[in-house]
Amino acid sequence: MRSRRTRLLLIASVIAVLMTVGVSSASAADIEGVWAFNGGQIGIGVPLSNGTYVGTVVQETTFAECPHPVGQQIWTGIRPQADGSYWGLHQWYYEKSGCLENPTRGPAAFRVLKASSGATYLKVCLSEPGTTQPTIAADGTSADATYGCVNSALSATIPTTETKNGSGTGTTTPSTTPRIGIASFKELVSLPNNKKCFSSRSFQIHIQDPKYDAFKTISITIKGHKLKAVRHGNVIVATVSLKGLPKGSFTVLIKATTYLGQHLSGSRTYHTCASKASRHKATTKLG
């Protein structure tokens, strides 16, 4: 009985240790967020299925001479380390190549730290491809970074649940730091009023990028036909042509996804003007 009791206590102790490890791993999400780097913004979302993180440029930034464009996965393979830091890889460019990407990435180290003011920031230490792995200790001191280190402020936190149609369904973070989220369809999409019948032959749609998280893909369709969308900075523009469309109603459907995986969708229905036609009630549908 004493031997059996000892085994049960041992098993319980092992389970307790495993549970403690699990809690520690869960806190590793401190790296998730949008971080300000050299005049730009880099977003680190939820981990991939293999447990690693990716840093995506959501506002163009420059580390040395070449700009890193919106959408570039500037950091890959970011993996938590036992000491609370993270190791990963940084995207480099060939020197004097006209900003040609180097397919071999350089080692990088990351650690989330607290400033004396209490503000959270991310320290990133970089080494050139083929050189040493940088490290960042718990007190913020670094070693073996052949390029150097960059500190960045936390611009916005990442919601833990998906946000759709500007509903803002993410969990609430008890902080003054903004939380990324898509505003309402009405706030981001500029469309003509549909309260009266529509007589113009064409019109433009303007779609504004959400703050801290630009749109990666946008689909604008009318009667099943996809429209061409052109980006101008942080605004996407598409032209709707009514040439060849029969008289009656038509619906513009918009679906978009950001680089950090947020979604926006909505539609607006219009009615063309026709002589001796009864007036139809215009509808707006968000879904």
C-alpha atoms as a PDB file:
ATOM      1  CA  MET A   1       0.000   0.000   0.000  1.00  0.00           C
ATOM      2  CA  ARG A   2       2.846   2.377   0.902  1.00  0.00           C
ATOM      3  CA  SER A   3       4.569   1.649  -2.450  1.00  0.00           C
ATOM      4  CA  ARG A   4       1.317   2.258  -4.379  1.00  0.00           C
ATOM      5  CA  ARG A   5       0.704   5.491  -2.476  1.00  0.00           C
ATOM      6  CA  THR A   6       4.238   6.651  -3.270  1.00  0.00           C
ATOM      7  CA  ARG A   7       3.674   5.985  -6.999  1.00  0.00           C
ATOM      8  CA  LEU A   8       0.394   7.934  -6.947  1.00  0.00           C
ATOM      9  CA  LEU A   9       2.083  10.892  -5.251  1.00  0.00           C
ATOM     10  CA  LEU A  10       4.879  10.768  -7.840  1.00  0.00           C
ATOM     11  CA  ILE A  11       2.366  10.755 -10.718  1.00  0.00           C
ATOM     12  CA  ALA A  12       0.488  13.682  -9.166  1.00  0.00           C
ATOM     13  CA  SER A  13       3.767  15.604  -8.845  1.00  0.00           C
ATOM     14  CA  VAL A  14       4.612  14.979 -12.509  1.00  0.00           C
ATOM     15  CA  ILE A  15       1.137  16.173 -13.586  1.00  0.00           C
ATOM     16  CA  ALA A  16       1.540  19.318 -11.480  1.00  0.00           C
ATOM     17  CA  VAL A  17       4.904  20.031 -13.127  1.00  0.00           C
ATOM     18  CA  LEU A  18       3.436  19.542 -16.606  1.00  0.00           C
ATOM     19  CA  MET A  19       0.559  21.879 -15.774  1.00  0.00           C
ATOM     20  CA  THR A  20       3.059  24.487 -14.596  1.00  0.00           C
ATOM     21  CA  VAL A  21       5.002  24.165 -17.853  1.00  0.00           C
ATOM     22  CA  GLY A  22       1.767  24.619 -19.784  1.00  0.00           C
ATOM     23  CA  VAL A  23       0.970  27.865 -17.977  1.00  0.00           C
ATOM     24  CA  SER A  24       4.496  29.129 -18.629  1.00  0.00           C
ATOM     25  CA  SER A  25       4.173  28.358 -22.355  1.00  0.00           C
ATOM     26  CA  ALA A  26       0.848  30.170 -22.556  1.00  0.00           C
ATOM     27  CA  SER A  27       2.481  33.390 -21.313  1.00  0.00           C
ATOM     28  CA  ALA A  28       4.877  33.289 -24.275  1.00  0.00           C
ATOM     29  CA  ALA A  29       2.269  35.205 -26.294  1.00  0.00           C
ATOM     30  CA  ASP A  30       3.755  38.472 -24.992  1.00  0.00           C
ATOM     31  CA  ILE A  31       5.486  38.808 -28.390  1.00  0.00           C
ATOM     32  CA  GLU A  32       2.148  38.965 -30.197  1.00  0.00           C
ATOM     33  CA  GLY A  33       1.366  42.518 -31.226  1.00  0.00           C
ATOM     34  CA  VAL A  34       2.181  45.320 -33.653  1.00  0.00           C
ATOM     35  CA  TRP A  35       5.596  46.852 -32.991  1.00  0.00           C
ATOM     36  CA  ALA A  36       6.966  50.190 -34.242  1.00  0.00           C
ATOM     37  CA  PHE A  37      10.266  49.739 -36.105  1.00  0.00           C
ATOM     38  CA  ASN A  38      12.320  52.476 -37.793  1.00  0.00           C
ATOM     39  CA  GLY A  39       9.319  54.502 -38.872  1.00  0.00           C
ATOM     40  CA  GLY A  40       7.222  51.462 -39.823  1.00  0.00           C
ATOM     41  CA  GLN A  41       5.171  48.729 -38.162  1.00  0.00           C
ATOM     42  CA  ILE A  42       5.693  44.960 -37.896  1.00  0.00           C
ATOM     43  CA  GLY A  43       2.891  42.674 -36.760  1.00  0.00           C
ATOM     44  CA  ILE A  44       3.449  39.354 -34.989  1.00  0.00           C
ATOM     45  CA  GLY A  45       0.246  37.341 -34.882  1.00  0.00           C
ATOM     46  CA  VAL A  46      -0.735  34.056 -33.279  1.00  0.00           C
ATOM     47  CA  PRO A  47       1.703  31.143 -33.672  1.00  0.00           C
ATOM     48  CA  LEU A  48       1.602  28.806 -36.650  1.00  0.00           C
ATOM     49  CA  SER A  49       0.716  25.136 -36.273  1.00  0.00           C
ATOM     50  CA  ASN A  50       4.393  24.298 -35.660  1.00  0.00           C
ATOM     51  CA  GLY A  51       4.550  26.717 -32.724  1.00  0.00           C
ATOM     52  CA  THR A  52       6.636  29.388 -34.468  1.00  0.00           C
ATOM     53  CA  TYR A  53       5.745  33.040 -35.058  1.00  0.00           C
ATOM     54  CA  VAL A  54       6.053  35.228 -38.148  1.00  0.00           C
ATOM     55  CA  GLY A  55       6.679  38.971 -38.242  1.00  0.00           C
ATOM     56  CA  THR A  56       4.850  40.663 -41.146  1.00  0.00           C
ATOM     57  CA  VAL A  57       5.433  44.252 -42.260  1.00  0.00           C
ATOM     58  CA  VAL A  58       2.115  46.108 -41.962  1.00  0.00           C
ATOM     59  CA  GLN A  59       3.639  49.543 -42.570  1.00  0.00           C
ATOM     60  CA  GLU A  60       6.811  49.943 -44.626  1.00  0.00           C
ATOM     61  CA  THR A  61       9.992  50.086 -42.551  1.00  0.00           C
ATOM     62  CA  THR A  62      13.737  50.365 -43.191  1.00  0.00           C
ATOM     63  CA  PHE A  63      16.517  48.727 -41.168  1.00  0.00           C
ATOM     64  CA  ALA A  64      19.620  49.587 -43.184  1.00  0.00           C
ATOM     65  CA  GLU A  65      19.285  51.028 -46.708  1.00  0.00           C
ATOM     66  CA  CYS A  66      16.461  49.069 -48.339  1.00  0.00           C
ATOM     67  CA  PRO A  67      12.783  49.404 -47.427  1.00  0.00           C
ATOM     68  CA  HIS A  68      10.870  46.350 -46.286  1.00  0.00           C
ATOM     69  CA  PRO A  69       7.474  46.561 -48.058  1.00  0.00           C
ATOM     70  CA  VAL A  70       4.031  45.932 -46.616  1.00  0.00           C
ATOM     71  CA  GLY A  71       3.279  42.216 -46.652  1.00  0.00           C
ATOM     72  CA  GLN A  72       6.873  41.012 -46.423  1.00  0.00           C
ATOM     73  CA  GLN A  73       7.495  38.311 -43.829  1.00  0.00           C
ATOM     74  CA  ILE A  74      10.527  40.068 -42.429  1.00  0.00           C
ATOM     75  CA  TRP A  75      10.889  37.613 -39.519  1.00  0.00           C
ATOM     76  CA  THR A  76      10.283  33.870 -39.741  1.00  0.00           C
ATOM     77  CA  GLY A  77      10.766  30.829 -37.544  1.00  0.00           C
ATOM     78  CA  ILE A  78      10.433  32.821 -34.321  1.00  0.00           C
ATOM     79  CA  ARG A  79      10.519  30.209 -31.577  1.00  0.00           C
ATOM     80  CA  PRO A  80      10.330  30.704 -27.774  1.00  0.00           C
ATOM     81  CA  GLN A  81      13.451  29.777 -25.817  1.00  0.00           C
ATOM     82  CA  ALA A  82      13.698  28.350 -22.310  1.00  0.00           C
ATOM     83  CA  ASP A  83      15.005  31.650 -20.899  1.00  0.00           C
ATOM     84  CA  GLY A  84      11.957  33.634 -22.063  1.00  0.00           C
ATOM     85  CA  SER A  85      13.535  35.117 -25.194  1.00  0.00           C
ATOM     86  CA  TYR A  86      12.825  34.146 -28.811  1.00  0.00           C
ATOM     87  CA  TRP A  87      15.106  33.131 -31.677  1.00  0.00           C
ATOM     88  CA  GLY A  88      14.248  33.494 -35.329  1.00  0.00           C
ATOM     89  CA  LEU A  89      15.456  34.690 -38.734  1.00  0.00           C
ATOM     90  CA  HIS A  90      15.577  38.174 -40.299  1.00  0.00           C
ATOM     91  CA  GLN A  91      15.210  39.032 -44.004  1.00  0.00           C
ATOM     92  CA  TRP A  92      18.363  40.663 -45.408  1.00  0.00           C
ATOM     93  CA  TYR A  93      19.183  42.263 -48.761  1.00  0.00           C
ATOM     94  CA  TYR A  94      22.358  41.843 -50.800  1.00  0.00           C
ATOM     95  CA  GLU A  95      24.641  44.829 -50.351  1.00  0.00           C
ATOM     96  CA  LYS A  96      24.689  47.261 -53.306  1.00  0.00           C
ATOM     97  CA  SER A  97      22.287  45.039 -55.264  1.00  0.00           C
ATOM     98  CA  GLY A  98      19.418  47.449 -55.727  1.00  0.00           C
ATOM     99  CA  CYS A  99      17.560  45.892 -52.787  1.00  0.00           C
ATOM    100  CA  LEU A 100      17.656  42.279 -53.993  1.00  0.00           C
ATOM    101  CA  GLU A 101      16.499  39.932 -51.206  1.00  0.00           C
ATOM    102  CA  ASN A 102      19.095  37.543 -49.821  1.00  0.00           C
ATOM    103  CA  PRO A 103      17.534  34.046 -49.775  1.00  0.00           C
ATOM    104  CA  THR A 104      19.668  33.193 -46.743  1.00  0.00           C
ATOM    105  CA  ARG A 105      18.241  34.864 -43.674  1.00  0.00           C
ATOM    106  CA  GLY A 106      20.269  36.058 -40.713  1.00  0.00           C
ATOM    107  CA  PRO A 107      19.908  34.900 -37.086  1.00  0.00           C
ATOM    108  CA  ALA A 108      17.838  37.133 -34.808  1.00  0.00           C
ATOM    109  CA  ALA A 109      16.905  37.265 -31.135  1.00  0.00           C
ATOM    110  CA  PHE A 110      13.814  38.843 -29.598  1.00  0.00           C
ATOM    111  CA  ARG A 111      12.747  39.654 -26.053  1.00  0.00           C
ATOM    112  CA  VAL A 112       9.795  41.584 -24.637  1.00  0.00           C
ATOM    113  CA  LEU A 113      10.978  43.968 -21.918  1.00  0.00           C
ATOM    114  CA  LYS A 114       9.619  46.638 -19.606  1.00  0.00           C
ATOM    115  CA  ALA A 115      10.964  50.181 -19.590  1.00  0.00           C
ATOM    116  CA  SER A 116      11.459  52.114 -16.338  1.00  0.00           C
ATOM    117  CA  SER A 117       8.186  53.910 -17.151  1.00  0.00           C
ATOM    118  CA  GLY A 118       6.400  50.559 -17.214  1.00  0.00           C
ATOM    119  CA  ALA A 119       5.875  50.626 -20.992  1.00  0.00           C
ATOM    120  CA  THR A 120       6.344  47.378 -22.909  1.00  0.00           C
ATOM    121  CA  TYR A 121       8.842  47.236 -25.764  1.00  0.00           C
ATOM    122  CA  LEU A 122      10.398  44.580 -27.986  1.00  0.00           C
ATOM    123  CA  LYS A 123      14.176  44.347 -28.292  1.00  0.00           C
ATOM    124  CA  VAL A 124      15.440  42.769 -31.516  1.00  0.00           C
ATOM    125  CA  CYS A 125      19.112  41.854 -32.077  1.00  0.00           C
ATOM    126  CA  LEU A 126      20.309  40.938 -35.566  1.00  0.00           C
ATOM    127  CA  SER A 127      23.276  39.171 -37.128  1.00  0.00           C
ATOM    128  CA  GLU A 128      24.206  38.943 -40.814  1.00  0.00           C
ATOM    129  CA  PRO A 129      23.486  35.661 -42.662  1.00  0.00           C
ATOM    130  CA  GLY A 130      25.988  32.947 -41.821  1.00  0.00           C
ATOM    131  CA  THR A 131      27.162  34.562 -38.583  1.00  0.00           C
ATOM    132  CA  THR A 132      26.482  34.088 -34.875  1.00  0.00           C
ATOM    133  CA  GLN A 133      23.160  33.671 -33.102  1.00  0.00           C
ATOM    134  CA  PRO A 134      22.438  36.791 -30.989  1.00  0.00           C
ATOM    135  CA  THR A 135      21.161  36.433 -27.439  1.00  0.00           C
ATOM    136  CA  ILE A 136      19.226  38.745 -25.116  1.00  0.00           C
ATOM    137  CA  ALA A 137      19.326  38.123 -21.374  1.00  0.00           C
ATOM    138  CA  ALA A 138      16.422  38.727 -19.008  1.00  0.00           C
ATOM    139  CA  ASP A 139      17.924  42.071 -17.949  1.00  0.00           C
ATOM    140  CA  GLY A 140      18.060  43.220 -21.590  1.00  0.00           C
ATOM    141  CA  THR A 141      21.799  42.834 -22.139  1.00  0.00           C
ATOM    142  CA  SER A 142      22.702  41.351 -25.509  1.00  0.00           C
ATOM    143  CA  ALA A 143      25.601  39.434 -27.018  1.00  0.00           C
ATOM    144  CA  ASP A 144      26.846  38.165 -30.399  1.00  0.00           C
ATOM    145  CA  ALA A 145      24.704  40.541 -32.501  1.00  0.00           C
ATOM    146  CA  THR A 146      26.951  41.353 -35.490  1.00  0.00           C
ATOM    147  CA  TYR A 147      24.567  44.059 -36.779  1.00  0.00           C
ATOM    148  CA  GLY A 148      23.219  45.436 -33.527  1.00  0.00           C
ATOM    149  CA  CYS A 149      19.921  45.763 -31.681  1.00  0.00           C
ATOM    150  CA  VAL A 150      16.754  47.816 -32.149  1.00  0.00           C
ATOM    151  CA  ASN A 151      14.157  48.664 -29.500  1.00  0.00           C
ATOM    152  CA  SER A 152      10.540  49.224 -30.469  1.00  0.00           C
ATOM    153  CA  ALA A 153       7.386  50.377 -28.758  1.00  0.00           C
ATOM    154  CA  LEU A 154       4.203  48.328 -28.674  1.00  0.00           C
ATOM    155  CA  SER A 155       1.776  50.036 -31.062  1.00  0.00           C
ATOM    156  CA  ALA A 156      -1.207  47.712 -30.665  1.00  0.00           C
ATOM    157  CA  THR A 157      -2.160  44.348 -29.203  1.00  0.00           C
ATOM    158  CA  ILE A 158      -3.614  41.406 -31.104  1.00  0.00           C
ATOM    159  CA  PRO A 159      -7.203  40.292 -30.350  1.00  0.00           C
ATOM    160  CA  THR A 160      -7.500  36.660 -29.322  1.00  0.00           C
ATOM    161  CA  THR A 161     -10.684  36.039 -31.314  1.00  0.00           C
ATOM    162  CA  GLU A 162     -11.487  36.780 -34.931  1.00  0.00           C
ATOM    163  CA  THR A 163     -13.062  40.137 -35.773  1.00  0.00           C
ATOM    164  CA  LYS A 164     -15.647  40.318 -38.549  1.00  0.00           C
ATOM    165  CA  ASN A 165     -17.659  43.192 -39.982  1.00  0.00           C
ATOM    166  CA  GLY A 166     -16.258  45.592 -37.428  1.00  0.00           C
ATOM    167  CA  SER A 167     -18.066  43.794 -34.630  1.00  0.00           C
ATOM    168  CA  GLY A 168     -14.978  44.005 -32.387  1.00  0.00           C
ATOM    169  CA  THR A 169     -15.366  40.554 -30.866  1.00  0.00           C
ATOM    170  CA  GLY A 170     -11.813  40.283 -29.517  1.00  0.00           C
ATOM    171  CA  THR A 171     -11.104  39.857 -25.832  1.00  0.00           C
ATOM    172  CA  THR A 172     -10.635  43.040 -23.834  1.00  0.00           C
ATOM    173  CA  THR A 173      -7.068  43.846 -22.807  1.00  0.00           C
ATOM    174  CA  PRO A 174      -6.825  45.878 -19.587  1.00  0.00           C
ATOM    175  CA  SER A 175      -4.304  48.327 -21.054  1.00  0.00           C
ATOM    176  CA  THR A 176      -4.118  51.779 -22.580  1.00  0.00           C
ATOM    177  CA  THR A 177      -2.399  50.233 -25.628  1.00  0.00           C
ATOM    178  CA  PRO A 178      -4.726  50.159 -28.662  1.00  0.00           C
ATOM    179  CA  ARG A 179      -5.968  46.779 -29.848  1.00  0.00           C
ATOM    180  CA  ILE A 180      -6.039  46.124 -33.573  1.00  0.00           C
ATOM    181  CA  GLY A 181      -9.444  45.537 -35.043  1.00  0.00           C
ATOM    182  CA  ILE A 182     -11.352  46.314 -38.185  1.00  0.00           C
ATOM    183  CA  ALA A 183     -13.606  49.333 -38.020  1.00  0.00           C
ATOM    184  CA  SER A 184     -17.122  49.124 -39.411  1.00  0.00           C
ATOM    185  CA  PHE A 185     -17.794  48.563 -43.111  1.00  0.00           C
ATOM    186  CA  LYS A 186     -19.239  52.076 -43.281  1.00  0.00           C
ATOM    187  CA  GLU A 187     -16.054  53.604 -41.855  1.00  0.00           C
ATOM    188  CA  LEU A 188     -13.611  51.778 -44.141  1.00  0.00           C
ATOM    189  CA  VAL A 189     -15.545  51.622 -47.422  1.00  0.00           C
ATOM    190  CA  SER A 190     -16.625  54.686 -49.401  1.00  0.00           C
ATOM    191  CA  LEU A 191     -19.588  53.985 -51.707  1.00  0.00           C
ATOM    192  CA  PRO A 192     -22.239  56.200 -53.346  1.00  0.00           C
ATOM    193  CA  ASN A 193     -25.501  56.676 -51.490  1.00  0.00           C
ATOM    194  CA  ASN A 194     -28.167  54.188 -52.538  1.00  0.00           C
ATOM    195  CA  LYS A 195     -31.268  55.977 -51.242  1.00  0.00           C
ATOM    196  CA  LYS A 196     -32.215  57.072 -54.761  1.00  0.00           C
ATOM    197  CA  CYS A 197     -32.061  55.277 -58.095  1.00  0.00           C
ATOM    198  CA  PHE A 198     -28.626  55.251 -59.690  1.00  0.00           C
ATOM    199  CA  SER A 199     -28.168  56.918 -63.085  1.00  0.00           C
ATOM    200  CA  SER A 200     -24.378  57.402 -63.377  1.00  0.00           C
ATOM    201  CA  ARG A 201     -22.563  55.167 -65.849  1.00  0.00           C
ATOM    202  CA  SER A 202     -19.642  54.500 -63.481  1.00  0.00           C
ATOM    203  CA  PHE A 203     -18.409  55.270 -59.972  1.00  0.00           C
ATOM    204  CA  GLN A 204     -15.437  54.528 -57.736  1.00  0.00           C
ATOM    205  CA  ILE A 205     -15.107  52.539 -54.528  1.00  0.00           C
ATOM    206  CA  HIS A 206     -12.486  53.577 -51.968  1.00  0.00           C
ATOM    207  CA  ILE A 207     -11.401  51.130 -49.228  1.00  0.00           C
ATOM    208  CA  GLN A 208      -9.219  52.338 -46.366  1.00  0.00           C
ATOM    209  CA  ASP A 209      -6.702  50.013 -44.706  1.00  0.00           C
ATOM    210  CA  PRO A 210      -7.409  49.354 -41.021  1.00  0.00           C
ATOM    211  CA  LYS A 211      -4.909  51.010 -38.689  1.00  0.00           C
ATOM    212  CA  TYR A 212      -1.879  48.813 -37.875  1.00  0.00           C
ATOM    213  CA  ASP A 213      -3.002  46.000 -40.206  1.00  0.00           C
ATOM    214  CA  ALA A 214      -3.271  46.557 -43.979  1.00  0.00           C
ATOM    215  CA  PHE A 215      -5.491  44.503 -46.259  1.00  0.00           C
ATOM    216  CA  LYS A 216      -3.673  41.605 -47.942  1.00  0.00           C
ATOM    217  CA  THR A 217      -6.454  40.495 -50.269  1.00  0.00           C
ATOM    218  CA  ILE A 218      -9.572  42.295 -51.502  1.00  0.00           C
ATOM    219  CA  SER A 219     -12.352  40.883 -53.671  1.00  0.00           C
ATOM    220  CA  ILE A 220     -14.918  43.273 -55.190  1.00  0.00           C
ATOM    221  CA  THR A 221     -17.598  41.674 -57.339  1.00  0.00           C
ATOM    222  CA  ILE A 222     -20.721  42.817 -59.149  1.00  0.00           C
ATOM    223  CA  LYS A 223     -23.083  40.269 -60.694  1.00  0.00           C
ATOM    224  CA  GLY A 224     -20.390  37.635 -60.295  1.00  0.00           C
ATOM    225  CA  HIS A 225     -17.701  39.640 -62.093  1.00  0.00           C
ATOM    226  CA  LYS A 226     -14.561  40.561 -60.135  1.00  0.00           C
ATOM    227  CA  LEU A 227     -13.414  44.161 -60.408  1.00  0.00           C
ATOM    228  CA  LYS A 228      -9.811  45.318 -60.613  1.00  0.00           C
ATOM    229  CA  ALA A 229      -8.602  46.985 -57.411  1.00  0.00           C
ATOM    230  CA  VAL A 230      -5.554  49.284 -57.383  1.00  0.00           C
ATOM    231  CA  ARG A 231      -3.670  50.273 -54.233  1.00  0.00           C
ATOM    232  CA  HIS A 232      -2.710  53.917 -53.695  1.00  0.00           C
ATOM    233  CA  GLY A 233      -0.796  54.006 -50.422  1.00  0.00           C
ATOM    234  CA  ASN A 234      -3.195  52.889 -47.707  1.00  0.00           C
ATOM    235  CA  VAL A 235      -6.295  53.229 -49.913  1.00  0.00           C
ATOM    236  CA  ILE A 236      -7.573  50.668 -52.438  1.00  0.00           C
ATOM    237  CA  VAL A 237      -9.602  52.013 -55.375  1.00  0.00           C
ATOM    238  CA  ALA A 238     -11.885  50.146 -57.788  1.00  0.00           C
ATOM    239  CA  THR A 239     -14.072  51.509 -60.588  1.00  0.00           C
ATOM    240  CA  VAL A 240     -17.569  50.138 -61.132  1.00  0.00           C
ATOM    241  CA  SER A 241     -18.806  50.436 -64.721  1.00  0.00           C
ATOM    242  CA  LEU A 242     -22.513  50.044 -65.450  1.00  0.00           C
ATOM    243  CA  LYS A 243     -22.021  49.746 -69.208  1.00  0.00           C
ATOM    244  CA  GLY A 244     -23.770  46.679 -70.568  1.00  0.00           C
ATOM    245  CA  LEU A 245     -25.709  46.012 -67.379  1.00  0.00           C
ATOM    246  CA  PRO A 246     -29.475  45.580 -67.801  1.00  0.00           C
ATOM    247  CA  LYS A 247     -31.878  47.922 -66.031  1.00  0.00           C
ATOM    248  CA  GLY A 248     -32.809  46.834 -62.554  1.00  0.00           C
ATOM    249  CA  SER A 249     -30.830  46.221 -59.382  1.00  0.00           C
ATOM    250  CA  PHE A 250     -27.209  45.281 -58.851  1.00  0.00           C
ATOM    251  CA  THR A 251     -25.202  44.484 -55.723  1.00  0.00           C
ATOM    252  CA  VAL A 252     -21.596  45.357 -54.992  1.00  0.00           C
ATOM    253  CA  LEU A 253     -20.020  42.689 -52.752  1.00  0.00           C
ATOM    254  CA  ILE A 254     -16.738  43.353 -50.941  1.00  0.00           C
ATOM    255  CA  LYS A 255     -14.619  40.832 -49.020  1.00  0.00           C
ATOM    256  CA  ALA A 256     -11.179  41.584 -47.578  1.00  0.00           C
ATOM    257  CA  THR A 257      -8.548  39.939 -45.359  1.00  0.00           C
ATOM    258  CA  THR A 258      -5.682  41.689 -43.560  1.00  0.00           C
ATOM    259  CA  TYR A 259      -2.094  40.479 -43.230  1.00  0.00           C
ATOM    260  CA  LEU A 260      -2.777  39.480 -39.623  1.00  0.00           C
ATOM    261  CA  GLY A 261      -5.871  37.461 -40.558  1.00  0.00           C
ATOM    262  CA  GLN A 262      -8.766  39.816 -39.814  1.00  0.00           C
ATOM    263  CA  HIS A 263     -11.782  39.802 -42.125  1.00  0.00           C
ATOM    264  CA  LEU A 264     -14.187  42.391 -43.475  1.00  0.00           C
ATOM    265  CA  SER A 265     -17.198  41.778 -45.686  1.00  0.00           C
ATOM    266  CA  GLY A 266     -20.189  43.800 -46.773  1.00  0.00           C
ATOM    267  CA  SER A 267     -22.442  44.635 -49.690  1.00  0.00           C
ATOM    268  CA  ARG A 268     -24.608  47.424 -51.021  1.00  0.00           C
ATOM    269  CA  THR A 269     -27.500  47.108 -53.467  1.00  0.00           C
ATOM    270  CA  TYR A 270     -28.387  49.795 -56.000  1.00  0.00           C
ATOM    271  CA  HIS A 271     -31.228  50.287 -58.489  1.00  0.00           C
ATOM    272  CA  THR A 272     -30.704  51.881 -61.862  1.00  0.00           C
ATOM    273  CA  CYS A 273     -33.085  54.610 -62.945  1.00  0.00           C
ATOM    274  CA  ALA A 274     -35.575  53.708 -65.678  1.00  0.00           C
ATOM    275  CA  SER A 275     -38.462  55.635 -67.218  1.00  0.00           C
ATOM    276  CA  LYS A 276     -41.961  54.604 -66.127  1.00  0.00           C
ATOM    277  CA  ALA A 277     -40.429  52.214 -63.634  1.00  0.00           C
ATOM    278  CA  SER A 278     -41.688  52.027 -60.118  1.00  0.00           C
ATOM    279  CA  ARG A 279     -39.326  53.257 -57.486  1.00  0.00           C
ATOM    280  CA  HIS A 280     -37.612  50.444 -55.629  1.00  0.00           C
ATOM    281  CA  LYS A 281     -36.449  50.613 -52.088  1.00  0.00           C
ATOM    282  CA  ALA A 282     -32.649  50.455 -51.856  1.00  0.00           C
ATOM    283  CA  THR A 283     -31.155  48.181 -49.262  1.00  0.00           C
ATOM    284  CA  THR A 284     -27.815  47.938 -47.569  1.00  0.00           C
ATOM    285  CA  LYS A 285     -26.604  44.607 -46.342  1.00  0.00           C
ATOM    286  CA  LEU A 286     -23.584  43.909 -44.188  1.00  0.00           C
ATOM    287  CA  GLY A 287     -22.574  40.360 -43.784  1.00  0.00           C
END
